[in-house]
Amino acid sequence: MATRSDLLILNKGCWCAPFFLVTMKNTSSYNSVPIWGYIIAIIIIGFVGGAISALFLESPSLDLSLIWSDPYYLYITKFSLYQAFLSTLLSISLAIPTAYALSRRQFIGRDLLLKLCATTLVLPVLVGVFGLLSIYGNSGLIADLFQRFGYSLPFSIYGLNGILLAHVLFNFPFATRLLLQTLDSIPAEQHQLSAHLGLSGWNKYKLVAWPRVKQQLPHVAGLVFMLCFTSFATVMALGGGPKSTTIELAIYQVIKFDFDLQSGAILALWQMLLCGVLSLIIQRFSISVAIDSGSSIHQAVLYQDSKQERLWDRIWIVFLILFLLPPLFMVVISGLNSELTTVLVSPEFWLALVNSLIVALSAAVLAMIFGVILLHTTRALRLNEKRLLADKLDLIGTMILVTPGLVISTGLFLLLRNITDIFSIAIWIVVLVNALMALPYVIKTLAQPLLHIAQQYHLLCGSLGLNGFTRFRLIEWRALRKPMAHAFAIAFIMSVGDLSAIALFGSQDFRTLPLYLFQLLGSYQMEAAAVISLSLLVLSVGVFAVVEWLFSSKRKGEA
């Protein structure tokens, strides 16, 4: 067993640890591969495969030509692709100059702004939608301003306008953050050489920044396109009728309202096929960014900065602030209304809150367990130079990215409807679907940190007899507390704000805060809806703060 002095080598980062590892290089190996990761992979395949099989059984002919023969299905396919294309084009077009401006400027509140940009991906969709309605809606701030001057609002937020606006709100800041990371990785030597050659303005962007942006652009644009193409809650809240319906929303409508299982199965398979093709296209055009040797800096060196460049950068930074912050600010202001006390003391609110917490906590814990177990197996395979098998296991864990949650929910609905009362076990179905939807983000967050800590210390752990849970508790938990906290927070917030699964399995007896908010918006109870939006926002921000405090900060005695 390891002694306390042995563990100090790991916990304190002793300088002799690397030398000790080198001397052990040929004396120990990572031969044991945990089988639990294979079991998790089988569970995921069985879960997703069972749902997809139910779609095949419900549509034995698999005549996808019905999509092309039905004008309505053909229209919603074209609209799904069209709105995703426009949303991606707008988000990326705004993100490129904004990211470049942020890479060259330092100002008070910059770090907070970047954190907000990074969290828009997991912000509960209906919270952002309500914030947009408070500003751009028929009763929003802009409409009130027009009415004061005797005019009516010249546009409607419902339909394509609202869908694009909401998608840009969620994806423009997130794309900006991703591109900024790429620009920040430019070595300082390139900036110094640019200054030496007298490059500035457009010439420097074209020769130094654009090659980096161009490498990352297919990946970022592909991610944004997939998020917009599979968007459900945004289109459901702002679609505005049959003319603004996507494939995913059509699946929900034919199953929930028409109970047309045949059409639902065909649409779900069509959605899955399109997502698979889109993923292959994105992978084909994605380019791995090479790692340059040299020091990177967080702020570009500006030896020849002009007033025009400073003004140009400030315009884009101010635009990002004015576009991102007001909807969130309006959620807070609108939520503090006369209905606040009434909603907070109502049993419907507390029941929805409890259901949301149960679903989110259970889904986040399940996603973390699945993710950590799966990654321990793939990590062992990589250390044993079995990279191909490890990649296949990772692909199984992230397969939900190709199979949207509503498709899985539809398949489970068809699979279980003849076996049991679906609505009696609805909460557990929603938990499982949300856990699968959060699993890819857990895997992508923890994969590299888990592999790096093993590459650094697995030989030393083997010599000290540390393995299994003991090794995880003494070594990995201490080193990986921060990324694990981040992964848990993402999984929790994604689950607490999800509407796709609960929309299909929810009822008056079982509803979460997002479903309750959607029902209030549908019945035009805007003040009560504002309170629910504020509650979701506070819950999301509070979870990030609490989880970071609990897991990221060192407790006393763990120095």
Protein backbone atom coordinates (compact mmCIF):
# COMPACT_ATOMS: atom_id res chain seq x y z
CA MET A 1 0.00 0.00 0.00
CA ALA A 2 1.05 3.58 -0.57
CA THR A 3 2.40 5.52 2.37
CA ARG A 4 1.68 9.16 3.09
CA SER A 5 5.17 10.13 1.92
CA ASP A 6 4.57 8.32 -1.37
CA LEU A 7 1.33 10.17 -1.97
CA LEU A 8 3.03 13.49 -1.33
CA ILE A 9 4.92 12.96 -4.58
CA LEU A 10 1.61 13.08 -6.42
CA ASN A 11 -0.36 15.58 -4.40
CA LYS A 12 2.40 18.17 -4.04
CA GLY A 13 3.84 17.81 -7.54
CA CYS A 14 7.33 16.88 -6.31
CA TRP A 15 10.11 17.64 -8.77
CA CYS A 16 11.40 14.08 -8.59
CA ALA A 17 8.15 12.53 -9.92
CA PRO A 18 9.08 12.88 -13.63
CA PHE A 19 12.50 11.28 -12.98
CA PHE A 20 10.83 8.49 -11.03
CA LEU A 21 8.42 7.87 -13.91
CA VAL A 22 11.28 7.65 -16.40
CA THR A 23 13.08 5.03 -14.33
CA MET A 24 9.89 2.95 -14.22
CA LYS A 25 9.11 3.22 -17.92
CA ASN A 26 9.97 -0.37 -18.73
CA THR A 27 8.98 -1.93 -15.42
CA SER A 28 5.23 -1.42 -15.46
CA SER A 29 2.45 -1.29 -18.02
CA TYR A 30 -1.25 -0.49 -18.19
CA ASN A 31 -2.37 -3.99 -19.15
CA SER A 32 -5.70 -4.13 -17.32
CA VAL A 33 -8.61 -2.69 -19.31
CA PRO A 34 -11.80 -2.20 -17.25
CA ILE A 35 -14.74 -4.11 -18.74
CA TRP A 36 -17.32 -1.71 -17.30
CA GLY A 37 -16.87 0.64 -20.23
CA TYR A 38 -17.93 -2.13 -22.61
CA ILE A 39 -21.01 -2.74 -20.47
CA ILE A 40 -21.91 0.96 -20.62
CA ALA A 41 -21.43 0.90 -24.41
CA ILE A 42 -23.76 -2.11 -24.66
CA ILE A 43 -26.37 -0.32 -22.52
CA ILE A 44 -26.20 2.76 -24.75
CA ILE A 45 -26.44 0.69 -27.93
CA GLY A 46 -29.37 -1.27 -26.48
CA PHE A 47 -31.15 1.88 -25.37
CA VAL A 48 -30.69 3.79 -28.62
CA GLY A 49 -30.96 0.69 -30.79
CA GLY A 50 -34.20 -0.34 -29.12
CA ALA A 51 -35.71 3.07 -29.75
CA ILE A 52 -34.59 3.05 -33.40
CA SER A 53 -35.80 -0.54 -33.86
CA ALA A 54 -39.23 0.54 -32.69
CA LEU A 55 -39.23 3.12 -35.48
CA PHE A 56 -38.36 0.41 -38.01
CA LEU A 57 -41.12 -1.86 -36.71
CA GLU A 58 -43.65 0.95 -36.87
CA SER A 59 -42.63 1.72 -40.43
CA PRO A 60 -41.84 -1.69 -41.96
CA SER A 61 -41.93 -0.44 -45.54
CA LEU A 62 -39.39 2.32 -44.81
CA ASP A 63 -40.72 4.16 -47.81
CA LEU A 64 -38.91 7.45 -47.36
CA SER A 65 -40.18 8.45 -50.79
CA LEU A 66 -43.32 9.50 -48.92
CA ILE A 67 -41.30 12.52 -47.81
CA TRP A 68 -40.84 13.58 -51.43
CA SER A 69 -44.41 12.79 -52.45
CA ASP A 70 -45.95 14.82 -49.63
CA PRO A 71 -45.66 18.58 -50.28
CA TYR A 72 -45.89 19.41 -46.57
CA TYR A 73 -43.06 17.06 -45.54
CA LEU A 74 -40.94 18.31 -48.42
CA TYR A 75 -41.59 21.88 -47.30
CA ILE A 76 -40.62 21.29 -43.65
CA THR A 77 -37.42 19.56 -44.81
CA LYS A 78 -36.49 22.56 -46.94
CA PHE A 79 -37.45 24.96 -44.14
CA SER A 80 -35.34 23.02 -41.59
CA LEU A 81 -32.28 23.27 -43.82
CA TYR A 82 -33.03 26.88 -44.81
CA GLN A 83 -33.42 28.25 -41.27
CA ALA A 84 -30.34 26.35 -40.10
CA PHE A 85 -28.32 27.75 -43.00
CA LEU A 86 -29.43 31.33 -42.36
CA SER A 87 -28.89 31.00 -38.60
CA THR A 88 -25.38 29.64 -39.17
CA LEU A 89 -24.54 32.31 -41.73
CA LEU A 90 -25.65 35.12 -39.42
CA SER A 91 -23.97 33.66 -36.32
CA ILE A 92 -20.62 33.02 -38.03
CA SER A 93 -20.64 36.34 -39.94
CA LEU A 94 -21.06 38.20 -36.65
CA ALA A 95 -18.70 35.97 -34.67
CA ILE A 96 -15.62 36.38 -36.90
CA PRO A 97 -15.14 40.18 -36.52
CA THR A 98 -16.29 40.09 -32.89
CA ALA A 99 -13.79 37.38 -31.96
CA TYR A 100 -11.02 39.28 -33.72
CA ALA A 101 -11.93 42.46 -31.85
CA LEU A 102 -11.95 40.64 -28.50
CA SER A 103 -8.57 39.08 -29.27
CA ARG A 104 -7.02 42.56 -29.66
CA ARG A 105 -8.68 44.45 -26.80
CA GLN A 106 -8.62 44.33 -23.01
CA PHE A 107 -11.32 46.06 -20.96
CA ILE A 108 -13.08 45.86 -17.61
CA GLY A 109 -15.61 43.02 -17.55
CA ARG A 110 -14.03 41.16 -20.46
CA ASP A 111 -13.66 37.90 -18.50
CA LEU A 112 -17.29 38.05 -17.36
CA LEU A 113 -18.44 38.70 -20.92
CA LEU A 114 -16.47 35.69 -22.17
CA LYS A 115 -18.04 33.48 -19.48
CA LEU A 116 -21.50 34.58 -20.59
CA CYS A 117 -20.54 33.81 -24.19
CA ALA A 118 -19.48 30.30 -23.18
CA THR A 119 -22.67 29.58 -21.22
CA THR A 120 -25.17 30.50 -23.94
CA LEU A 121 -24.94 26.95 -25.32
CA VAL A 122 -26.44 25.47 -22.14
CA LEU A 123 -28.70 28.39 -21.20
CA PRO A 124 -32.30 27.11 -20.91
CA VAL A 125 -33.81 27.86 -24.32
CA LEU A 126 -37.10 29.22 -23.03
CA VAL A 127 -35.26 31.66 -20.77
CA GLY A 128 -33.59 33.20 -23.81
CA VAL A 129 -36.87 33.08 -25.73
CA PHE A 130 -38.67 34.95 -22.97
CA GLY A 131 -35.91 37.54 -22.85
CA LEU A 132 -36.29 38.10 -26.59
CA LEU A 133 -40.07 38.39 -26.27
CA SER A 134 -39.61 41.02 -23.55
CA ILE A 135 -37.64 43.17 -26.00
CA TYR A 136 -38.77 42.28 -29.52
CA GLY A 137 -42.25 40.84 -28.84
CA ASN A 138 -45.60 42.46 -29.55
CA SER A 139 -45.66 43.71 -25.95
CA GLY A 140 -41.91 44.22 -25.63
CA LEU A 141 -39.80 47.31 -25.12
CA ILE A 142 -39.41 48.10 -28.82
CA ALA A 143 -43.17 47.75 -29.44
CA ASP A 144 -43.87 50.14 -26.54
CA LEU A 145 -41.37 52.61 -27.97
CA PHE A 146 -43.08 52.53 -31.37
CA GLN A 147 -46.53 52.97 -29.77
CA ARG A 148 -45.41 56.11 -27.97
CA PHE A 149 -44.77 57.71 -31.35
CA GLY A 150 -48.01 56.36 -32.83
CA TYR A 151 -46.54 53.51 -34.85
CA SER A 152 -46.95 49.76 -34.71
CA LEU A 153 -44.12 47.24 -34.57
CA PRO A 154 -42.92 46.76 -38.18
CA PHE A 155 -42.04 43.08 -37.72
CA SER A 156 -43.27 40.00 -35.88
CA ILE A 157 -41.00 37.95 -33.68
CA TYR A 158 -42.97 34.82 -34.51
CA GLY A 159 -42.04 32.75 -37.54
CA LEU A 160 -38.70 32.79 -39.30
CA ASN A 161 -37.73 36.17 -37.79
CA GLY A 162 -37.99 34.91 -34.24
CA ILE A 163 -36.29 31.59 -34.98
CA LEU A 164 -33.30 33.34 -36.54
CA LEU A 165 -33.12 35.89 -33.72
CA ALA A 166 -33.17 33.21 -31.03
CA HIS A 167 -30.64 31.01 -32.80
CA VAL A 168 -28.27 33.94 -33.24
CA LEU A 169 -28.68 34.83 -29.55
CA PHE A 170 -27.59 31.34 -28.51
CA ASN A 171 -24.97 30.61 -31.16
CA PHE A 172 -23.34 33.95 -32.03
CA PRO A 173 -21.71 34.40 -28.57
CA PHE A 174 -20.77 30.72 -28.40
CA ALA A 175 -19.17 30.78 -31.87
CA THR A 176 -17.35 33.97 -30.87
CA ARG A 177 -15.88 32.20 -27.85
CA LEU A 178 -14.70 29.23 -29.92
CA LEU A 179 -13.07 31.41 -32.57
CA LEU A 180 -11.46 33.57 -29.88
CA GLN A 181 -9.76 30.49 -28.45
CA THR A 182 -8.27 29.84 -31.88
CA LEU A 183 -7.05 33.42 -32.25
CA ASP A 184 -5.55 33.36 -28.76
CA SER A 185 -3.45 30.34 -29.77
CA ILE A 186 -1.48 32.38 -32.34
CA PRO A 187 2.14 32.40 -31.11
CA ALA A 188 3.53 35.72 -29.91
CA GLU A 189 6.38 35.37 -32.40
CA GLN A 190 3.93 35.76 -35.29
CA HIS A 191 2.67 39.05 -33.87
CA GLN A 192 6.22 40.27 -33.39
CA LEU A 193 7.15 39.30 -36.93
CA SER A 194 4.05 41.10 -38.23
CA ALA A 195 5.11 44.25 -36.41
CA HIS A 196 8.63 43.92 -37.79
CA LEU A 197 7.24 43.66 -41.34
CA GLY A 198 4.88 46.59 -40.80
CA LEU A 199 1.69 44.53 -41.12
CA SER A 200 -1.42 46.08 -39.62
CA GLY A 201 -5.15 46.31 -40.19
CA TRP A 202 -6.56 44.20 -42.99
CA ASN A 203 -3.15 42.90 -44.11
CA LYS A 204 -2.36 41.46 -40.70
CA TYR A 205 -5.81 39.90 -40.42
CA LYS A 206 -5.50 38.32 -43.88
CA LEU A 207 -2.01 36.91 -43.36
CA VAL A 208 -2.00 36.05 -39.62
CA ALA A 209 -5.51 35.71 -38.19
CA TRP A 210 -7.51 34.43 -41.17
CA PRO A 211 -5.45 31.22 -41.69
CA ARG A 212 -6.24 30.24 -38.09
CA VAL A 213 -9.91 31.19 -38.37
CA LYS A 214 -10.21 29.31 -41.67
CA GLN A 215 -8.94 26.12 -40.05
CA GLN A 216 -11.48 26.28 -37.22
CA LEU A 217 -14.38 27.63 -39.28
CA PRO A 218 -15.72 24.31 -40.68
CA HIS A 219 -15.88 22.82 -37.20
CA VAL A 220 -17.61 25.84 -35.62
CA ALA A 221 -19.99 26.36 -38.54
CA GLY A 222 -20.85 22.66 -38.61
CA LEU A 223 -21.58 22.60 -34.89
CA VAL A 224 -23.81 25.68 -35.11
CA PHE A 225 -25.63 24.25 -38.14
CA MET A 226 -26.37 20.97 -36.36
CA LEU A 227 -27.60 22.78 -33.24
CA CYS A 228 -29.93 24.94 -35.35
CA PHE A 229 -31.10 22.05 -37.53
CA THR A 230 -32.09 19.93 -34.52
CA SER A 231 -33.49 22.86 -32.54
CA PHE A 232 -36.83 22.05 -30.94
CA ALA A 233 -37.79 24.37 -28.10
CA THR A 234 -36.91 27.52 -30.05
CA VAL A 235 -39.03 26.54 -33.06
CA MET A 236 -41.80 25.28 -30.80
CA ALA A 237 -42.02 28.61 -28.96
CA LEU A 238 -41.45 31.01 -31.88
CA GLY A 239 -42.41 29.00 -34.96
CA GLY A 240 -45.72 30.69 -35.43
CA GLY A 241 -47.57 28.04 -37.45
CA PRO A 242 -47.21 25.46 -40.24
CA LYS A 243 -45.09 27.80 -42.37
CA SER A 244 -42.34 27.78 -39.73
CA THR A 245 -42.23 24.11 -38.75
CA THR A 246 -39.10 21.95 -38.72
CA ILE A 247 -38.84 18.16 -38.98
CA GLU A 248 -38.32 17.77 -35.25
CA LEU A 249 -41.37 19.85 -34.41
CA ALA A 250 -43.43 17.91 -37.01
CA ILE A 251 -42.47 14.64 -35.26
CA TYR A 252 -43.77 16.03 -31.99
CA GLN A 253 -47.01 17.22 -33.58
CA VAL A 254 -47.91 13.99 -35.38
CA ILE A 255 -47.16 11.87 -32.29
CA LYS A 256 -48.57 14.11 -29.58
CA PHE A 257 -51.65 15.55 -31.28
CA ASP A 258 -52.50 13.34 -34.29
CA PHE A 259 -51.15 10.06 -32.87
CA ASP A 260 -50.02 9.23 -36.39
CA LEU A 261 -47.32 6.72 -35.50
CA GLN A 262 -46.54 5.80 -39.10
CA SER A 263 -45.77 9.41 -40.07
CA GLY A 264 -43.87 9.97 -36.83
CA ALA A 265 -41.66 6.93 -37.49
CA ILE A 266 -40.89 7.95 -41.07
CA LEU A 267 -40.10 11.54 -40.06
CA ALA A 268 -37.89 10.37 -37.20
CA LEU A 269 -35.91 8.08 -39.52
CA TRP A 270 -35.64 10.88 -42.07
CA GLN A 271 -34.36 13.23 -39.38
CA MET A 272 -31.79 10.69 -38.24
CA LEU A 273 -30.63 10.05 -41.82
CA LEU A 274 -30.18 13.76 -42.50
CA CYS A 275 -28.27 14.26 -39.23
CA GLY A 276 -25.96 11.37 -40.11
CA VAL A 277 -25.24 12.79 -43.57
CA LEU A 278 -24.66 16.26 -42.13
CA SER A 279 -22.26 14.87 -39.52
CA LEU A 280 -20.24 13.09 -42.21
CA ILE A 281 -20.08 16.29 -44.27
CA ILE A 282 -18.95 18.29 -41.23
CA GLN A 283 -16.28 15.70 -40.42
CA ARG A 284 -15.11 15.72 -44.04
CA PHE A 285 -14.51 19.47 -44.10
CA SER A 286 -13.20 19.84 -40.55
CA ILE A 287 -9.46 20.47 -40.38
CA SER A 288 -7.27 19.69 -37.40
CA VAL A 289 -5.41 22.76 -36.23
CA ALA A 290 -1.68 22.17 -36.01
CA ILE A 291 0.06 23.13 -32.78
CA ASP A 292 2.81 25.67 -33.45
CA SER A 293 5.91 25.82 -31.38
CA GLY A 294 6.18 29.15 -29.67
CA SER A 295 4.57 31.10 -26.88
CA SER A 296 0.95 32.11 -27.11
CA ILE A 297 -0.51 35.28 -25.66
CA HIS A 298 -4.02 36.37 -24.75
CA GLN A 299 -3.74 39.77 -26.33
CA ALA A 300 -2.33 40.50 -29.74
CA VAL A 301 0.67 42.81 -29.88
CA LEU A 302 -0.48 46.03 -31.56
CA TYR A 303 2.53 48.12 -32.53
CA GLN A 304 0.67 50.06 -35.23
CA ASP A 305 -2.81 50.58 -33.90
CA SER A 306 -4.97 53.27 -35.50
CA LYS A 307 -8.08 55.12 -34.39
CA GLN A 308 -10.09 53.43 -37.14
CA GLU A 309 -9.09 49.98 -35.88
CA ARG A 310 -9.96 50.86 -32.29
CA LEU A 311 -13.32 52.23 -33.36
CA TRP A 312 -14.02 49.16 -35.51
CA ASP A 313 -13.24 46.79 -32.63
CA ARG A 314 -15.31 48.77 -30.14
CA ILE A 315 -18.32 48.69 -32.45
CA TRP A 316 -18.31 44.89 -32.53
CA ILE A 317 -17.68 44.52 -28.79
CA VAL A 318 -20.49 46.95 -27.96
CA PHE A 319 -22.77 45.12 -30.41
CA LEU A 320 -22.08 41.82 -28.62
CA ILE A 321 -22.83 43.39 -25.24
CA LEU A 322 -26.03 45.08 -26.43
CA PHE A 323 -27.22 41.91 -28.15
CA LEU A 324 -26.42 39.45 -25.35
CA LEU A 325 -27.06 41.27 -22.08
CA PRO A 326 -30.46 42.99 -22.55
CA PRO A 327 -32.48 39.74 -22.96
CA LEU A 328 -30.93 38.31 -19.80
CA PHE A 329 -31.42 41.62 -17.99
CA MET A 330 -35.07 41.74 -19.07
CA VAL A 331 -35.63 38.24 -17.70
CA VAL A 332 -34.63 39.58 -14.28
CA ILE A 333 -36.64 42.81 -14.54
CA SER A 334 -39.75 41.15 -15.96
CA GLY A 335 -39.66 38.38 -13.35
CA LEU A 336 -39.91 40.87 -10.48
CA ASN A 337 -43.61 41.62 -11.02
CA SER A 338 -46.87 41.47 -9.13
CA GLU A 339 -47.29 37.75 -9.84
CA LEU A 340 -44.01 36.83 -8.16
CA THR A 341 -45.51 35.91 -4.78
CA THR A 342 -48.53 34.21 -6.32
CA VAL A 343 -46.43 31.95 -8.52
CA LEU A 344 -43.84 31.15 -5.85
CA VAL A 345 -46.48 29.97 -3.36
CA SER A 346 -48.47 27.98 -5.90
CA PRO A 347 -48.27 24.16 -5.66
CA GLU A 348 -47.91 23.92 -9.46
CA PHE A 349 -44.63 25.84 -9.34
CA TRP A 350 -43.14 23.76 -6.54
CA LEU A 351 -44.20 20.50 -8.13
CA ALA A 352 -42.60 21.56 -11.44
CA LEU A 353 -39.46 22.73 -9.59
CA VAL A 354 -39.13 19.44 -7.70
CA ASN A 355 -39.63 17.46 -10.91
CA SER A 356 -37.00 19.61 -12.67
CA LEU A 357 -34.48 19.07 -9.88
CA ILE A 358 -35.12 15.32 -9.78
CA VAL A 359 -34.76 15.00 -13.54
CA ALA A 360 -31.70 17.26 -13.79
CA LEU A 361 -29.86 15.81 -10.80
CA SER A 362 -30.58 12.19 -11.78
CA ALA A 363 -29.67 12.79 -15.44
CA ALA A 364 -26.45 14.66 -14.55
CA VAL A 365 -25.32 11.96 -12.09
CA LEU A 366 -26.16 9.20 -14.58
CA ALA A 367 -24.34 11.01 -17.41
CA MET A 368 -21.28 11.51 -15.18
CA ILE A 369 -21.24 7.84 -14.12
CA PHE A 370 -21.63 6.61 -17.69
CA GLY A 371 -19.06 9.08 -18.97
CA VAL A 372 -16.38 8.42 -16.35
CA ILE A 373 -16.73 4.63 -16.61
CA LEU A 374 -16.62 4.72 -20.41
CA LEU A 375 -13.61 7.07 -20.42
CA HIS A 376 -11.68 4.88 -17.99
CA THR A 377 -11.98 2.02 -20.46
CA THR A 378 -11.10 4.10 -23.53
CA ARG A 379 -8.18 5.62 -21.63
CA ALA A 380 -6.80 2.18 -20.81
CA LEU A 381 -7.19 1.15 -24.45
CA ARG A 382 -5.27 4.21 -25.63
CA LEU A 383 -2.48 3.59 -23.15
CA ASN A 384 -2.28 0.05 -24.55
CA GLU A 385 -2.07 1.48 -28.08
CA LYS A 386 -5.55 0.26 -29.07
CA ARG A 387 -6.67 3.62 -30.35
CA LEU A 388 -9.11 2.33 -32.99
CA LEU A 389 -11.16 0.41 -30.43
CA ALA A 390 -11.08 3.40 -28.05
CA ASP A 391 -12.36 5.69 -30.82
CA LYS A 392 -15.24 3.30 -31.49
CA LEU A 393 -16.26 3.36 -27.83
CA ASP A 394 -16.09 7.17 -27.82
CA LEU A 395 -18.27 7.21 -30.93
CA ILE A 396 -20.87 5.07 -29.17
CA GLY A 397 -20.90 7.50 -26.25
CA THR A 398 -21.47 10.48 -28.53
CA MET A 399 -23.94 8.85 -30.95
CA ILE A 400 -26.79 10.93 -29.49
CA LEU A 401 -25.32 13.91 -31.37
CA VAL A 402 -26.39 12.20 -34.59
CA THR A 403 -29.67 10.93 -33.13
CA PRO A 404 -31.65 13.87 -31.68
CA GLY A 405 -33.35 13.44 -28.32
CA LEU A 406 -36.83 13.73 -29.77
CA VAL A 407 -36.11 10.82 -32.13
CA ILE A 408 -35.03 8.70 -29.16
CA SER A 409 -38.10 9.79 -27.23
CA THR A 410 -40.34 8.89 -30.17
CA GLY A 411 -38.76 5.44 -30.47
CA LEU A 412 -39.16 4.77 -26.76
CA PHE A 413 -42.75 5.93 -26.93
CA LEU A 414 -43.45 3.41 -29.70
CA LEU A 415 -41.45 0.66 -27.98
CA LEU A 416 -43.08 0.95 -24.56
CA ARG A 417 -46.66 1.90 -25.41
CA ASN A 418 -47.75 -1.77 -25.73
CA ILE A 419 -45.71 -2.95 -22.75
CA THR A 420 -46.59 -0.56 -19.93
CA ASP A 421 -48.33 2.68 -19.09
CA ILE A 422 -45.81 5.13 -20.50
CA PHE A 423 -46.93 8.07 -18.41
CA SER A 424 -46.51 6.13 -15.16
CA ILE A 425 -42.76 5.82 -15.82
CA ALA A 426 -42.43 9.09 -17.75
CA ILE A 427 -40.03 10.65 -15.26
CA TRP A 428 -37.48 7.83 -15.66
CA ILE A 429 -37.72 7.90 -19.43
CA VAL A 430 -37.07 11.65 -19.37
CA VAL A 431 -34.10 11.11 -17.04
CA LEU A 432 -32.55 8.49 -19.35
CA VAL A 433 -33.07 10.59 -22.48
CA ASN A 434 -31.56 13.68 -20.83
CA ALA A 435 -28.62 11.65 -19.52
CA LEU A 436 -27.89 10.41 -23.03
CA MET A 437 -28.18 13.92 -24.44
CA ALA A 438 -25.69 15.23 -21.85
CA LEU A 439 -23.27 12.30 -22.20
CA PRO A 440 -21.41 13.63 -25.30
CA TYR A 441 -20.64 16.90 -23.49
CA VAL A 442 -19.39 15.00 -20.43
CA ILE A 443 -17.15 12.86 -22.62
CA LYS A 444 -15.75 15.83 -24.56
CA THR A 445 -15.09 17.74 -21.31
CA LEU A 446 -13.34 14.93 -19.44
CA ALA A 447 -11.63 12.87 -22.18
CA GLN A 448 -8.39 14.83 -22.44
CA PRO A 449 -7.94 15.60 -18.69
CA LEU A 450 -8.47 11.91 -17.78
CA LEU A 451 -6.00 10.77 -20.43
CA HIS A 452 -3.37 13.34 -19.45
CA ILE A 453 -3.49 12.44 -15.74
CA ALA A 454 -3.09 8.76 -16.61
CA GLN A 455 -0.17 9.40 -18.96
CA GLN A 456 1.50 11.38 -16.21
CA TYR A 457 0.96 9.15 -13.18
CA HIS A 458 -0.27 5.65 -14.10
CA LEU A 459 3.18 4.05 -13.75
CA LEU A 460 3.73 5.58 -10.35
CA CYS A 461 0.22 4.58 -9.24
CA GLY A 462 0.96 1.03 -10.33
CA SER A 463 4.15 0.88 -8.25
CA LEU A 464 2.28 2.18 -5.20
CA GLY A 465 -0.55 -0.32 -5.59
CA LEU A 466 -3.16 2.35 -6.25
CA ASN A 467 -6.02 1.18 -8.46
CA GLY A 468 -9.77 1.23 -8.77
CA PHE A 469 -11.75 3.54 -6.54
CA THR A 470 -8.77 4.18 -4.25
CA ARG A 471 -6.77 5.60 -7.14
CA PHE A 472 -9.72 7.69 -8.28
CA ARG A 473 -10.33 9.08 -4.77
CA LEU A 474 -6.72 9.87 -3.88
CA ILE A 475 -5.28 10.95 -7.22
CA GLU A 476 -7.73 11.59 -10.04
CA TRP A 477 -10.49 13.26 -8.02
CA ARG A 478 -8.06 15.84 -6.67
CA ALA A 479 -6.54 16.55 -10.08
CA LEU A 480 -9.80 16.49 -12.07
CA ARG A 481 -12.14 18.25 -9.67
CA LYS A 482 -12.50 21.37 -11.80
CA PRO A 483 -13.27 19.70 -15.18
CA MET A 484 -15.63 17.28 -13.45
CA ALA A 485 -17.44 20.19 -11.83
CA HIS A 486 -17.75 21.85 -15.23
CA ALA A 487 -19.05 18.65 -16.85
CA PHE A 488 -21.60 18.10 -14.07
CA ALA A 489 -22.82 21.68 -14.27
CA ILE A 490 -23.28 21.44 -18.06
CA ALA A 491 -25.18 18.16 -17.76
CA PHE A 492 -27.38 19.54 -14.98
CA ILE A 493 -28.28 22.77 -16.76
CA MET A 494 -28.91 21.03 -20.08
CA SER A 495 -31.29 18.64 -18.33
CA VAL A 496 -33.06 21.28 -16.25
CA GLY A 497 -33.75 23.39 -19.35
CA ASP A 498 -34.63 20.61 -21.80
CA LEU A 499 -38.06 20.59 -23.42
CA SER A 500 -37.79 17.88 -26.09
CA ALA A 501 -38.31 14.78 -23.94
CA ILE A 502 -40.74 16.29 -21.44
CA ALA A 503 -42.85 17.73 -24.26
CA LEU A 504 -43.66 14.21 -25.44
CA PHE A 505 -44.00 12.48 -22.07
CA GLY A 506 -45.21 15.35 -19.91
CA SER A 507 -48.75 15.79 -18.63
CA GLN A 508 -50.65 17.86 -16.11
CA ASP A 509 -49.47 15.45 -13.40
CA PHE A 510 -45.83 15.47 -14.52
CA ARG A 511 -44.27 18.63 -15.84
CA THR A 512 -40.99 20.42 -15.33
CA LEU A 513 -40.30 24.15 -15.24
CA PRO A 514 -39.62 24.41 -19.01
CA LEU A 515 -42.92 22.67 -19.84
CA TYR A 516 -44.74 24.82 -17.27
CA LEU A 517 -43.18 27.93 -18.81
CA PHE A 518 -44.19 26.85 -22.32
CA GLN A 519 -47.77 26.27 -21.19
CA LEU A 520 -47.91 29.73 -19.59
CA LEU A 521 -46.53 31.35 -22.75
CA GLY A 522 -49.10 29.46 -24.83
CA SER A 523 -51.94 30.79 -22.68
CA TYR A 524 -50.48 34.36 -22.74
CA GLN A 525 -49.92 34.48 -18.95
CA MET A 526 -46.83 36.59 -19.50
CA GLU A 527 -46.29 37.81 -15.93
CA ALA A 528 -46.43 34.28 -14.50
CA ALA A 529 -44.18 33.09 -17.34
CA ALA A 530 -41.71 35.86 -16.46
CA VAL A 531 -41.45 34.52 -12.91
CA ILE A 532 -40.77 31.00 -14.18
CA SER A 533 -38.10 32.34 -16.58
CA LEU A 534 -36.41 34.18 -13.73
CA SER A 535 -36.51 31.00 -11.63
CA LEU A 536 -34.84 29.01 -14.41
CA LEU A 537 -32.18 31.69 -14.88
CA VAL A 538 -31.43 31.86 -11.15
CA LEU A 539 -31.34 28.07 -10.97
CA SER A 540 -28.88 27.83 -13.89
CA VAL A 541 -26.54 30.54 -12.61
CA GLY A 542 -26.85 29.22 -9.06
CA VAL A 543 -25.89 25.71 -10.10
CA PHE A 544 -22.74 26.97 -11.82
CA ALA A 545 -21.78 28.99 -8.75
CA VAL A 546 -22.54 26.26 -6.20
CA VAL A 547 -20.91 23.44 -8.17
CA GLU A 548 -17.79 25.54 -8.77
CA TRP A 549 -17.60 26.33 -5.05
CA LEU A 550 -18.15 22.74 -3.93
CA PHE A 551 -15.84 20.99 -6.38
CA SER A 552 -13.31 23.51 -7.57
CA SER A 553 -12.27 25.07 -4.30
CA LYS A 554 -9.96 23.15 -2.00
CA ARG A 555 -11.34 22.25 1.36
CA LYS A 556 -9.41 22.84 4.51
CA GLY A 557 -6.91 20.13 5.18
CA GLU A 558 -6.44 19.26 1.48
CA ALA A 559 -3.48 21.50 0.93
